[in-house]
PDB file of N, CA and C in Angstrom:
ATOM      1  N   UNK A   1       0.720  -1.063   0.211  1.00  0.00           N
ATOM      2  CA  UNK A   1      -0.263   0.094   0.332  1.00  0.00           C
ATOM      3  C   UNK A   1       0.810   1.202  -0.163  1.00  0.00           C
ATOM      4  N   UNK A   2       2.277   1.624   0.384  1.00  0.00           N
ATOM      5  CA  UNK A   2       3.384   2.113   0.734  1.00  0.00           C
ATOM      6  C   UNK A   2       3.868   3.150  -0.654  1.00  0.00           C
ATOM      7  N   UNK A   3       3.832   1.874  -1.891  1.00  0.00           N
ATOM      8  CA  UNK A   3       3.882   2.375  -3.233  1.00  0.00           C
ATOM      9  C   UNK A   3       2.715   2.508  -3.619  1.00  0.00           C
ATOM     10  N   UNK A   4       1.640   2.586  -3.845  1.00  0.00           N
ATOM     11  CA  UNK A   4       0.563   3.291  -4.573  1.00  0.00           C
ATOM     12  C   UNK A   4      -0.007   4.348  -4.344  1.00  0.00           C
ATOM     13  N   UNK A   5       0.607   5.786  -2.825  1.00  0.00           N
ATOM     14  CA  UNK A   5       0.778   6.903  -2.854  1.00  0.00           C
ATOM     15  C   UNK A   5       1.178   7.308  -3.002  1.00  0.00           C
ATOM     16  N   UNK A   6       3.030   7.046  -3.004  1.00  0.00           N
ATOM     17  CA  UNK A   6       3.613   8.173  -4.199  1.00  0.00           C
ATOM     18  C   UNK A   6       3.589   7.921  -5.845  1.00  0.00           C
ATOM     19  N   UNK A   7       2.964   6.762  -5.791  1.00  0.00           N
ATOM     20  CA  UNK A   7       3.033   6.416  -7.368  1.00  0.00           C
ATOM     21  C   UNK A   7       1.723   7.694  -7.596  1.00  0.00           C
ATOM     22  N   UNK A   8       0.713   7.464  -6.871  1.00  0.00           N
ATOM     23  CA  UNK A   8      -0.456   7.901  -7.083  1.00  0.00           C
ATOM     24  C   UNK A   8      -0.469   9.804  -7.645  1.00  0.00           C
ATOM     25  N   UNK A   9       0.105   9.989  -6.475  1.00  0.00           N
ATOM     26  CA  UNK A   9       1.059  11.621  -6.257  1.00  0.00           C
ATOM     27  C   UNK A   9       2.200  12.156  -7.717  1.00  0.00           C
ATOM     28  N   UNK A  10       2.577  11.207  -8.210  1.00  0.00           N
ATOM     29  CA  UNK A  10       3.483  11.215  -9.110  1.00  0.00           C
ATOM     30  C   UNK A  10       2.803  11.146 -10.312  1.00  0.00           C
ATOM     31  N   UNK A  11       1.565  10.350 -10.623  1.00  0.00           N
ATOM     32  CA  UNK A  11       0.624  10.380 -12.043  1.00  0.00           C
ATOM     33  C   UNK A  11       0.023  11.606 -11.683  1.00  0.00           C
ATOM     34  N   UNK A  12      -0.584  12.252 -10.411  1.00  0.00           N
ATOM     35  CA  UNK A  12      -1.376  13.338 -10.775  1.00  0.00           C
ATOM     36  C   UNK A  12      -0.469  14.333 -10.950  1.00  0.00           C
ATOM     37  N   UNK A  13       0.706  15.015 -10.359  1.00  0.00           N
ATOM     38  CA  UNK A  13       1.408  15.837 -11.234  1.00  0.00           C
ATOM     39  C   UNK A  13       2.153  16.189 -12.570  1.00  0.00           C
ATOM     40  N   UNK A  14       2.171  14.541 -13.166  1.00  0.00           N
ATOM     41  CA  UNK A  14       2.506  14.434 -14.325  1.00  0.00           C
ATOM     42  C   UNK A  14       1.270  14.801 -14.619  1.00  0.00           C
ATOM     43  N   UNK A  15      -0.009  14.517 -14.592  1.00  0.00           N
ATOM     44  CA  UNK A  15      -1.158  15.000 -15.591  1.00  0.00           C
ATOM     45  C   UNK A  15      -1.627  16.606 -15.561  1.00  0.00           C
ATOM     46  N   UNK A  16      -1.419  17.026 -14.612  1.00  0.00           N
ATOM     47  CA  UNK A  16      -1.223  17.994 -14.048  1.00  0.00           C
ATOM     48  C   UNK A  16      -0.280  19.103 -15.412  1.00  0.00           C
ATOM     49  N   UNK A  17       1.137  18.532 -14.728  1.00  0.00           N
ATOM     50  CA  UNK A  17       2.150  19.277 -16.052  1.00  0.00           C
ATOM     51  C   UNK A  17       1.529  19.050 -17.648  1.00  0.00           C
ATOM     52  N   UNK A  18       1.156  18.419 -17.523  1.00  0.00           N
ATOM     53  CA  UNK A  18       0.642  17.786 -19.153  1.00  0.00           C
ATOM     54  C   UNK A  18      -0.118  18.678 -19.384  1.00  0.00           C
ATOM     55  N   UNK A  19      -1.479  18.634 -18.683  1.00  0.00           N
ATOM     56  CA  UNK A  19      -2.490  19.554 -19.014  1.00  0.00           C
ATOM     57  C   UNK A  19      -2.090  21.448 -18.641  1.00  0.00           C
ATOM     58  N   UNK A  20      -1.598  21.675 -18.248  1.00  0.00           N
ATOM     59  CA  UNK A  20      -0.836  22.588 -18.268  1.00  0.00           C
ATOM     60  C   UNK A  20       0.214  23.278 -19.270  1.00  0.00           C
ATOM     61  N   UNK A  21       0.485  22.113 -20.124  1.00  0.00           N
ATOM     62  CA  UNK A  21       1.366  22.754 -21.012  1.00  0.00           C
ATOM     63  C   UNK A  21       0.521  23.326 -22.778  1.00  0.00           C
ATOM     64  N   UNK A  22      -0.731  22.280 -22.580  1.00  0.00           N
ATOM     65  CA  UNK A  22      -1.479  22.730 -23.540  1.00  0.00           C
ATOM     66  C   UNK A  22      -1.835  24.085 -23.392  1.00  0.00           C
ATOM     67  N   UNK A  23      -2.319  24.829 -24.790  1.00  0.00           N
ATOM     68  CA  UNK A  23      -2.190  26.135 -24.578  1.00  0.00           C
ATOM     69  C   UNK A  23      -3.154  26.651 -26.159  1.00  0.00           C
ATOM     70  N   UNK A  24      -3.952  26.912 -26.303  1.00  0.00           N
ATOM     71  CA  UNK A  24      -4.740  27.421 -27.314  1.00  0.00           C
ATOM     72  C   UNK A  24      -3.885  28.272 -27.817  1.00  0.00           C
ATOM     73  N   UNK A  25      -3.593  28.201 -29.201  1.00  0.00           N
ATOM     74  CA  UNK A  25      -3.454  28.322 -30.541  1.00  0.00           C
ATOM     75  C   UNK A  25      -4.286  28.805 -31.796  1.00  0.00           C
ATOM     76  N   UNK A  26      -4.183  30.651 -31.868  1.00  0.00           N
ATOM     77  CA  UNK A  26      -4.635  30.900 -32.658  1.00  0.00           C
ATOM     78  C   UNK A  26      -4.058  30.836 -34.394  1.00  0.00           C
ATOM     79  N   UNK A  27      -5.586  31.241 -35.115  1.00  0.00           N
ATOM     80  CA  UNK A  27      -5.290  30.577 -36.460  1.00  0.00           C
ATOM     81  C   UNK A  27      -4.472  31.280 -36.971  1.00  0.00           C
ATOM     82  N   UNK A  28      -3.545  32.520 -36.585  1.00  0.00           N
ATOM     83  CA  UNK A  28      -2.863  33.634 -37.175  1.00  0.00           C
ATOM     84  C   UNK A  28      -1.938  33.684 -36.547  1.00  0.00           C
ATOM     85  N   UNK A  29      -1.971  32.913 -35.886  1.00  0.00           N
ATOM     86  CA  UNK A  29      -0.595  32.200 -34.996  1.00  0.00           C
ATOM     87  C   UNK A  29      -0.146  30.875 -35.822  1.00  0.00           C
ATOM     88  N   UNK A  30      -0.392  30.188 -36.278  1.00  0.00           N
ATOM     89  CA  UNK A  30      -0.057  28.984 -36.293  1.00  0.00           C
ATOM     90  C   UNK A  30       1.429  29.466 -37.837  1.00  0.00           C
ATOM     91  N   UNK A  31       0.854  29.810 -38.265  1.00  0.00           N
ATOM     92  CA  UNK A  31       2.299  30.341 -39.597  1.00  0.00           C
ATOM     93  C   UNK A  31       3.920  30.652 -38.682  1.00  0.00           C
ATOM     94  N   UNK A  32       3.798  31.057 -37.673  1.00  0.00           N
ATOM     95  CA  UNK A  32       4.448  31.827 -36.315  1.00  0.00           C
ATOM     96  C   UNK A  32       5.527  30.212 -36.289  1.00  0.00           C
ATOM     97  N   UNK A  33       4.436  29.563 -35.737  1.00  0.00           N
ATOM     98  CA  UNK A  33       5.195  28.078 -35.066  1.00  0.00           C
ATOM     99  C   UNK A  33       5.607  27.671 -35.693  1.00  0.00           C
ATOM    100  N   UNK A  34       4.888  27.405 -37.093  1.00  0.00           N
ATOM    101  CA  UNK A  34       4.981  26.511 -38.212  1.00  0.00           C
ATOM    102  C   UNK A  34       6.529  25.663 -38.265  1.00  0.00           C
ATOM    103  N   UNK A  35       6.985  25.069 -38.455  1.00  0.00           N
ATOM    104  CA  UNK A  35       8.304  24.592 -39.127  1.00  0.00           C
ATOM    105  C   UNK A  35       8.606  24.068 -40.186  1.00  0.00           C
ATOM    106  N   UNK A  36       9.198  25.250 -41.637  1.00  0.00           N
ATOM    107  CA  UNK A  36       9.180  24.634 -42.741  1.00  0.00           C
ATOM    108  C   UNK A  36       9.671  22.787 -43.357  1.00  0.00           C
ATOM    109  N   UNK A  37      10.615  22.147 -41.614  1.00  0.00           N
ATOM    110  CA  UNK A  37      11.015  20.786 -42.022  1.00  0.00           C
ATOM    111  C   UNK A  37       9.358  20.037 -41.750  1.00  0.00           C
ATOM    112  N   UNK A  38       8.705  20.539 -41.303  1.00  0.00           N
ATOM    113  CA  UNK A  38       7.221  19.641 -41.065  1.00  0.00           C
ATOM    114  C   UNK A  38       6.353  19.290 -42.392  1.00  0.00           C
ATOM    115  N   UNK A  39       6.601  20.163 -43.165  1.00  0.00           N
ATOM    116  CA  UNK A  39       5.868  20.723 -44.052  1.00  0.00           C
ATOM    117  C   UNK A  39       6.201  18.193 -45.316  1.00  0.00           C
ATOM    118  N   UNK A  40       5.057  18.800 -45.573  1.00  0.00           N
ATOM    119  CA  UNK A  40       5.079  17.432 -46.691  1.00  0.00           C
ATOM    120  C   UNK A  40       6.205  17.542 -47.385  1.00  0.00           C
ATOM    121  N   UNK A  41       5.933  18.640 -48.127  1.00  0.00           N
ATOM    122  CA  UNK A  41       6.460  18.983 -49.395  1.00  0.00           C
ATOM    123  C   UNK A  41       7.495  20.612 -48.894  1.00  0.00           C
ATOM    124  N   UNK A  42       8.635  20.297 -48.454  1.00  0.00           N
ATOM    125  CA  UNK A  42       9.147  21.571 -48.168  1.00  0.00           C
ATOM    126  C   UNK A  42       9.834  22.031 -49.230  1.00  0.00           C
ATOM    127  N   UNK A  43       9.710  21.682 -50.622  1.00  0.00           N
ATOM    128  CA  UNK A  43       9.969  22.891 -51.342  1.00  0.00           C
ATOM    129  C   UNK A  43       9.535  22.446 -53.193  1.00  0.00           C
ATOM    130  N   UNK A  44       7.968  22.819 -52.745  1.00  0.00           N
ATOM    131  CA  UNK A  44       7.009  22.712 -53.404  1.00  0.00           C
ATOM    132  C   UNK A  44       7.279  22.986 -55.179  1.00  0.00           C
ATOM    133  N   UNK A  45       7.696  24.017 -55.626  1.00  0.00           N
ATOM    134  CA  UNK A  45       8.216  24.193 -56.494  1.00  0.00           C
ATOM    135  C   UNK A  45       9.155  23.453 -57.214  1.00  0.00           C
ATOM    136  N   UNK A  46      10.718  23.218 -56.317  1.00  0.00           N
ATOM    137  CA  UNK A  46      11.701  22.720 -56.889  1.00  0.00           C
ATOM    138  C   UNK A  46      10.718  20.743 -57.180  1.00  0.00           C
ATOM    139  N   UNK A  47       9.320  20.813 -56.579  1.00  0.00           N
ATOM    140  CA  UNK A  47       9.258  19.544 -56.915  1.00  0.00           C
ATOM    141  C   UNK A  47       8.328  19.766 -58.353  1.00  0.00           C
ATOM    142  N   UNK A  48       7.692  21.050 -58.314  1.00  0.00           N
ATOM    143  CA  UNK A  48       6.626  20.871 -59.333  1.00  0.00           C
ATOM    144  C   UNK A  48       7.520  20.840 -61.005  1.00  0.00           C
ATOM    145  N   UNK A  49       8.698  21.672 -60.522  1.00  0.00           N
ATOM    146  CA  UNK A  49       9.702  21.292 -61.887  1.00  0.00           C
ATOM    147  C   UNK A  49      10.463  20.416 -61.830  1.00  0.00           C
ATOM    148  N   UNK A  50      10.052  19.465 -61.173  1.00  0.00           N
ATOM    149  CA  UNK A  50      10.763  18.129 -61.612  1.00  0.00           C
ATOM    150  C   UNK A  50       9.839  17.296 -61.699  1.00  0.00           C
ATOM    151  N   UNK A  51       8.741  17.405 -61.724  1.00  0.00           N
ATOM    152  CA  UNK A  51       7.992  16.642 -61.979  1.00  0.00           C
ATOM    153  C   UNK A  51       7.397  17.045 -63.445  1.00  0.00           C
ATOM    154  N   UNK A  52       7.425  18.455 -63.784  1.00  0.00           N
ATOM    155  CA  UNK A  52       7.620  18.860 -65.119  1.00  0.00           C
ATOM    156  C   UNK A  52       8.475  18.218 -66.081  1.00  0.00           C
ATOM    157  N   UNK A  53       9.554  17.735 -65.555  1.00  0.00           N
ATOM    158  CA  UNK A  53      10.778  17.706 -66.671  1.00  0.00           C
ATOM    159  C   UNK A  53      10.475  16.001 -66.851  1.00  0.00           C
ATOM    160  N   UNK A  54       9.837  15.244 -66.309  1.00  0.00           N
ATOM    161  CA  UNK A  54       9.827  14.127 -65.930  1.00  0.00           C
ATOM    162  C   UNK A  54       8.948  14.041 -66.794  1.00  0.00           C
ATOM    163  N   UNK A  55       8.263  14.536 -66.821  1.00  0.00           N
ATOM    164  CA  UNK A  55       6.524  13.530 -67.547  1.00  0.00           C
ATOM    165  C   UNK A  55       7.259  14.432 -69.275  1.00  0.00           C
ATOM    166  N   UNK A  56       7.567  15.756 -69.077  1.00  0.00           N
ATOM    167  CA  UNK A  56       7.889  15.627 -70.874  1.00  0.00           C
ATOM    168  C   UNK A  56       8.969  14.929 -70.647  1.00  0.00           C
ATOM    169  N   UNK A  57       9.785  14.133 -70.084  1.00  0.00           N
ATOM    170  CA  UNK A  57      11.047  13.600 -71.139  1.00  0.00           C
ATOM    171  C   UNK A  57      10.197  12.191 -70.977  1.00  0.00           C
ATOM    172  N   UNK A  58       9.561  11.663 -70.108  1.00  0.00           N
ATOM    173  CA  UNK A  58       8.933  10.376 -70.176  1.00  0.00           C
ATOM    174  C   UNK A  58       7.525  10.274 -71.608  1.00  0.00           C
ATOM    175  N   UNK A  59       6.855  11.013 -71.493  1.00  0.00           N
ATOM    176  CA  UNK A  59       6.396  11.332 -72.342  1.00  0.00           C
ATOM    177  C   UNK A  59       4.406  10.730 -72.268  1.00  0.00           C
ATOM    178  N   UNK A  60       4.737  10.681 -70.585  1.00  0.00           N
ATOM    179  CA  UNK A  60       3.707  10.043 -70.261  1.00  0.00           C
ATOM    180  C   UNK A  60       2.823  11.073 -68.928  1.00  0.00           C
ATOM    181  N   UNK A  61       1.502  10.238 -68.752  1.00  0.00           N
ATOM    182  CA  UNK A  61       0.683  10.905 -67.792  1.00  0.00           C
ATOM    183  C   UNK A  61       1.239  10.546 -66.108  1.00  0.00           C
ATOM    184  N   UNK A  62       1.826  11.609 -65.432  1.00  0.00           N
ATOM    185  CA  UNK A  62       2.012  11.419 -64.122  1.00  0.00           C
ATOM    186  C   UNK A  62       0.367  11.351 -63.275  1.00  0.00           C
ATOM    187  N   UNK A  63       1.403  11.807 -61.613  1.00  0.00           N
ATOM    188  CA  UNK A  63       0.196  11.809 -61.257  1.00  0.00           C
ATOM    189  C   UNK A  63      -0.067  12.921 -60.377  1.00  0.00           C
ATOM    190  N   UNK A  64       0.431  13.595 -61.360  1.00  0.00           N
ATOM    191  CA  UNK A  64      -0.077  15.285 -61.022  1.00  0.00           C
ATOM    192  C   UNK A  64      -1.106  16.047 -62.799  1.00  0.00           C
ATOM    193  N   UNK A  65      -0.908  14.780 -63.491  1.00  0.00           N
ATOM    194  CA  UNK A  65      -1.997  15.004 -64.687  1.00  0.00           C
ATOM    195  C   UNK A  65      -1.472  15.296 -65.562  1.00  0.00           C
ATOM    196  N   UNK A  66       0.070  15.529 -65.933  1.00  0.00           N
ATOM    197  CA  UNK A  66       0.548  16.554 -66.867  1.00  0.00           C
ATOM    198  C   UNK A  66       0.808  15.714 -67.788  1.00  0.00           C
ATOM    199  N   UNK A  67       0.181  16.124 -69.456  1.00  0.00           N
ATOM    200  CA  UNK A  67       0.400  15.335 -70.313  1.00  0.00           C
ATOM    201  C   UNK A  67       1.199  15.370 -71.289  1.00  0.00           C
ATOM    202  N   UNK A  68       1.466  14.912 -72.297  1.00  0.00           N
ATOM    203  CA  UNK A  68       2.673  15.930 -73.188  1.00  0.00           C
ATOM    204  C   UNK A  68       3.563  14.658 -74.215  1.00  0.00           C
ATOM    205  N   UNK A  69       3.681  14.858 -75.549  1.00  0.00           N
ATOM    206  CA  UNK A  69       4.705  13.939 -76.218  1.00  0.00           C
ATOM    207  C   UNK A  69       6.363  14.954 -75.267  1.00  0.00           C
ATOM    208  N   UNK A  70       7.325  13.822 -75.976  1.00  0.00           N
ATOM    209  CA  UNK A  70       8.676  13.786 -75.514  1.00  0.00           C
ATOM    210  C   UNK A  70       9.273  15.312 -75.573  1.00  0.00           C
ATOM    211  N   UNK A  71       8.709  16.233 -76.688  1.00  0.00           N
ATOM    212  CA  UNK A  71       9.090  17.586 -76.875  1.00  0.00           C
ATOM    213  C   UNK A  71       9.059  17.890 -75.710  1.00  0.00           C
ATOM    214  N   UNK A  72       8.383  17.850 -74.804  1.00  0.00           N
ATOM    215  CA  UNK A  72       7.847  18.887 -73.754  1.00  0.00           C
ATOM    216  C   UNK A  72       6.855  19.538 -74.116  1.00  0.00           C
ATOM    217  N   UNK A  73       6.284  19.445 -75.430  1.00  0.00           N
ATOM    218  CA  UNK A  73       4.640  20.353 -75.460  1.00  0.00           C
ATOM    219  C   UNK A  73       3.382  19.641 -75.057  1.00  0.00           C
ATOM    220  N   UNK A  74       2.458  20.144 -74.955  1.00  0.00           N
ATOM    221  CA  UNK A  74       1.266  20.013 -74.167  1.00  0.00           C
ATOM    222  C   UNK A  74       0.063  19.790 -75.717  1.00  0.00           C
TER     223      UNK A  74
END
């Protein structure tokens, strides 16, 4: 029985500490908190250019809906 009291006190303290750490974030503050490393595609322009070049060379439709011939024309 002696072990359960300190464990209960510790679990209550940890729970309260976790609840205090939560804070509401306003929509206009989210851009300041977002990290570029967390983006699904950190370089969207570079990825778009690579997809365009790949579609032009392969003359096939990829996942980006780009269609065209091997010459790069659409």
